[in-house]
Protein backbone atom coordinates (compact mmCIF):
# COMPACT_ATOMS: atom_id res chain seq x y z
CA MET A 1 -35.98 124.02 224.06
CA GLU A 2 -38.03 123.72 227.22
CA PHE A 3 -39.45 120.51 228.66
CA LYS A 4 -43.02 121.70 228.09
CA GLN A 5 -42.32 122.27 224.38
CA ILE A 6 -40.90 118.73 224.09
CA GLN A 7 -44.03 117.31 225.73
CA GLU A 8 -46.22 119.20 223.24
CA LEU A 9 -44.18 117.82 220.33
CA ILE A 10 -44.61 114.28 221.65
CA LYS A 11 -48.37 114.76 221.99
CA ALA A 12 -48.60 116.14 218.45
CA ILE A 13 -46.64 113.20 217.01
CA ASN A 14 -48.79 110.66 218.88
CA LYS A 15 -51.93 112.19 217.35
CA SER A 16 -50.49 112.21 213.81
CA ASN A 17 -49.18 109.56 211.41
CA ILE A 18 -45.64 110.94 211.60
CA SER A 19 -43.15 108.22 212.48
CA GLU A 20 -40.11 110.41 213.18
CA LEU A 21 -39.39 114.10 213.88
CA SER A 22 -36.00 115.81 214.26
CA VAL A 23 -35.63 119.34 215.63
CA GLU A 24 -32.42 121.40 215.86
CA GLU A 25 -32.06 124.71 217.68
CA GLY A 26 -28.44 125.82 217.84
CA ASP A 27 -26.50 123.15 219.77
CA PHE A 28 -29.70 121.40 220.89
CA LYS A 29 -30.87 118.43 218.80
CA ILE A 30 -33.81 116.11 219.49
CA THR A 31 -35.26 113.20 217.51
CA ILE A 32 -38.64 111.75 218.44
CA LYS A 33 -39.64 108.39 216.96
CA GLN A 34 -43.06 106.77 217.18
CA ALA A 35 -43.35 102.99 217.46
CA GLN A 36 -44.83 101.24 214.40
CA THR A 37 -46.59 98.34 216.18
CA ILE A 38 -50.00 100.04 215.88
CA SER A 39 -49.91 100.08 212.08
CA GLU A 40 -48.86 96.40 211.99
CA THR A 41 -51.83 95.47 214.16
CA GLN A 42 -54.14 97.47 211.92
CA PHE A 43 -52.72 95.69 208.85
CA VAL A 44 -53.51 92.29 210.36
CA ALA A 45 -57.06 93.41 211.16
CA VAL A 46 -57.55 94.55 207.56
CA GLN A 47 -56.33 91.23 206.17
CA ALA A 48 -58.67 89.04 208.26
CA PRO A 49 -61.93 89.81 206.37
CA MET A 50 -60.44 89.18 202.92
CA PRO A 51 -60.74 85.34 202.89
CA GLN A 52 -64.39 85.61 203.89
CA MET A 53 -65.10 87.73 200.83
CA LEU A 54 -63.22 85.49 198.37
CA PRO A 55 -65.64 82.52 198.37
CA GLN A 56 -68.51 84.84 197.42
CA ALA A 57 -66.53 86.21 194.48
CA ALA A 58 -65.13 82.81 193.43
CA PRO A 59 -67.34 82.34 190.29
CA GLN A 60 -66.20 85.69 188.89
CA ALA A 61 -62.59 85.20 189.99
CA ALA A 62 -62.35 81.76 188.32
CA ALA A 63 -61.69 83.46 184.96
CA LEU A 64 -58.63 85.24 186.37
CA PRO A 65 -55.22 83.50 186.20
CA ALA A 66 -54.46 84.18 189.89
CA ALA A 67 -57.78 82.76 191.08
CA PRO A 68 -56.48 79.23 191.97
CA ALA A 69 -53.90 80.71 194.36
CA LEU A 70 -56.51 82.96 195.98
CA ALA A 71 -59.00 80.12 196.32
CA ALA A 72 -56.34 77.94 197.95
CA GLN A 73 -55.68 80.65 200.53
CA ALA A 74 -59.40 81.01 201.25
CA ALA A 75 -60.00 77.27 201.78
CA PRO A 76 -58.31 76.99 205.24
CA ALA A 77 -60.23 79.99 206.53
CA SER A 78 -63.58 78.49 205.55
CA ALA A 79 -62.79 75.04 207.02
CA PRO A 80 -63.56 76.02 210.67
CA ALA A 81 -67.00 77.27 209.62
CA ALA A 82 -67.78 73.88 208.04
CA ASN A 83 -67.31 72.02 211.32
CA ASP A 84 -68.24 73.97 214.44
CA LYS A 85 -66.98 71.21 216.77
CA LEU A 86 -63.34 71.90 215.87
CA ILE A 87 -61.16 74.24 217.91
CA THR A 88 -58.70 76.47 216.07
CA ILE A 89 -55.29 76.94 217.67
CA LYS A 90 -53.88 80.30 216.59
CA SER A 91 -50.43 81.85 216.60
CA PRO A 92 -49.86 84.05 219.64
CA MET A 93 -47.22 86.09 217.78
CA ILE A 94 -45.68 87.06 214.46
CA GLY A 95 -42.74 84.91 213.38
CA THR A 96 -41.69 81.78 211.51
CA PHE A 97 -43.61 78.54 212.12
CA TYR A 98 -41.64 75.31 212.69
CA ARG A 99 -43.25 71.89 213.22
CA SER A 100 -40.13 70.30 214.78
CA PRO A 101 -37.39 71.38 217.21
CA SER A 102 -34.75 71.06 214.44
CA PRO A 103 -34.70 69.93 210.78
CA ASP A 104 -33.43 66.42 211.65
CA LYS A 105 -36.01 65.81 214.43
CA PRO A 106 -39.59 64.55 213.99
CA SER A 107 -42.56 66.95 214.15
CA PHE A 108 -43.99 67.79 217.57
CA VAL A 109 -47.48 66.71 216.38
CA ASN A 110 -49.01 65.19 213.25
CA VAL A 111 -52.55 64.82 211.96
CA GLY A 112 -54.31 62.17 214.04
CA ASP A 113 -52.14 62.66 217.15
CA ASP A 114 -53.87 62.93 220.52
CA ILE A 115 -52.75 65.99 222.49
CA LYS A 116 -53.41 67.22 225.98
CA GLN A 117 -53.25 70.64 227.54
CA GLY A 118 -49.64 71.81 227.89
CA ASP A 119 -48.22 69.66 225.04
CA VAL A 120 -45.82 71.50 222.72
CA LEU A 121 -47.39 71.77 219.25
CA CYS A 122 -44.81 73.81 217.35
CA ILE A 123 -42.23 76.58 217.58
CA VAL A 124 -42.65 80.17 216.41
CA GLU A 125 -39.34 81.96 215.92
CA ALA A 126 -39.46 85.70 216.47
CA MET A 127 -36.28 87.79 216.40
CA LYS A 128 -34.01 84.73 216.87
CA LEU A 129 -36.01 83.55 219.89
CA PHE A 130 -37.63 80.14 219.56
CA ASN A 131 -40.97 80.14 221.39
CA GLU A 132 -42.64 76.80 222.09
CA ILE A 133 -46.38 77.00 221.47
CA GLU A 134 -48.28 74.80 223.90
CA SER A 135 -51.80 73.47 223.52
CA GLU A 136 -54.50 75.07 225.64
CA VAL A 137 -56.93 72.21 224.90
CA SER A 138 -56.95 68.41 224.88
CA GLY A 139 -58.07 66.55 221.79
CA LYS A 140 -56.97 65.18 218.42
CA ILE A 141 -55.11 67.07 215.68
CA VAL A 142 -57.40 67.14 212.64
CA LYS A 143 -55.44 69.45 210.35
CA VAL A 144 -52.17 71.40 210.23
CA LEU A 145 -52.96 74.68 208.46
CA ILE A 146 -49.40 76.02 207.98
CA ASP A 147 -46.40 74.63 206.08
CA ASP A 148 -43.14 74.16 207.96
CA ALA A 149 -40.80 77.20 207.95
CA SER A 150 -43.61 79.53 206.79
CA PRO A 151 -44.13 83.04 208.15
CA VAL A 152 -47.16 83.47 210.41
CA GLU A 153 -49.08 86.53 211.56
CA TYR A 154 -50.51 87.20 214.99
CA ASP A 155 -53.77 85.26 215.53
CA GLN A 156 -53.30 83.22 212.33
CA PRO A 157 -54.84 79.71 212.56
CA LEU A 158 -52.19 76.97 212.90
CA PHE A 159 -54.06 73.77 213.83
CA LEU A 160 -57.58 72.40 213.91
CA VAL A 161 -58.26 70.23 216.96
CA GLU A 162 -61.23 67.99 217.71
CA PRO A 163 -61.77 68.41 221.45
CA ALA A 164 -61.62 65.31 223.65
């Protein structure tokens, strides 16, 4: 197979939804794989509008058995809209949220704590790497929106902060 043919295959795969293609011609074998990060990003974008729609449908959904769980998920998303003075600190990555450096240590921050820019607020573990998440604002922690050791998505709200 010629280099130009390989380039054409790569272009065709990039334009399609195919994640992997294998081609064999005699002794020549090639496998082309497309990264899946684009579909993950699209999935996150699709999930963001859902909590905004739930409060409107809440009277109808109240009759359903799963409605209390859905309403509980929608409540944190509507809290920032209730108070425009609060700043939402969001997760910069996908991973597991930890409030303390280890299970036997105290939390980095608690509700009511004063923080300043650069203070460590939590850790997000991604692929066995523990990433300290630092505050970009100074103020007071009003609410912690995530439970310890919970999975978080990219751009998911973690804390509400009243600016100083």
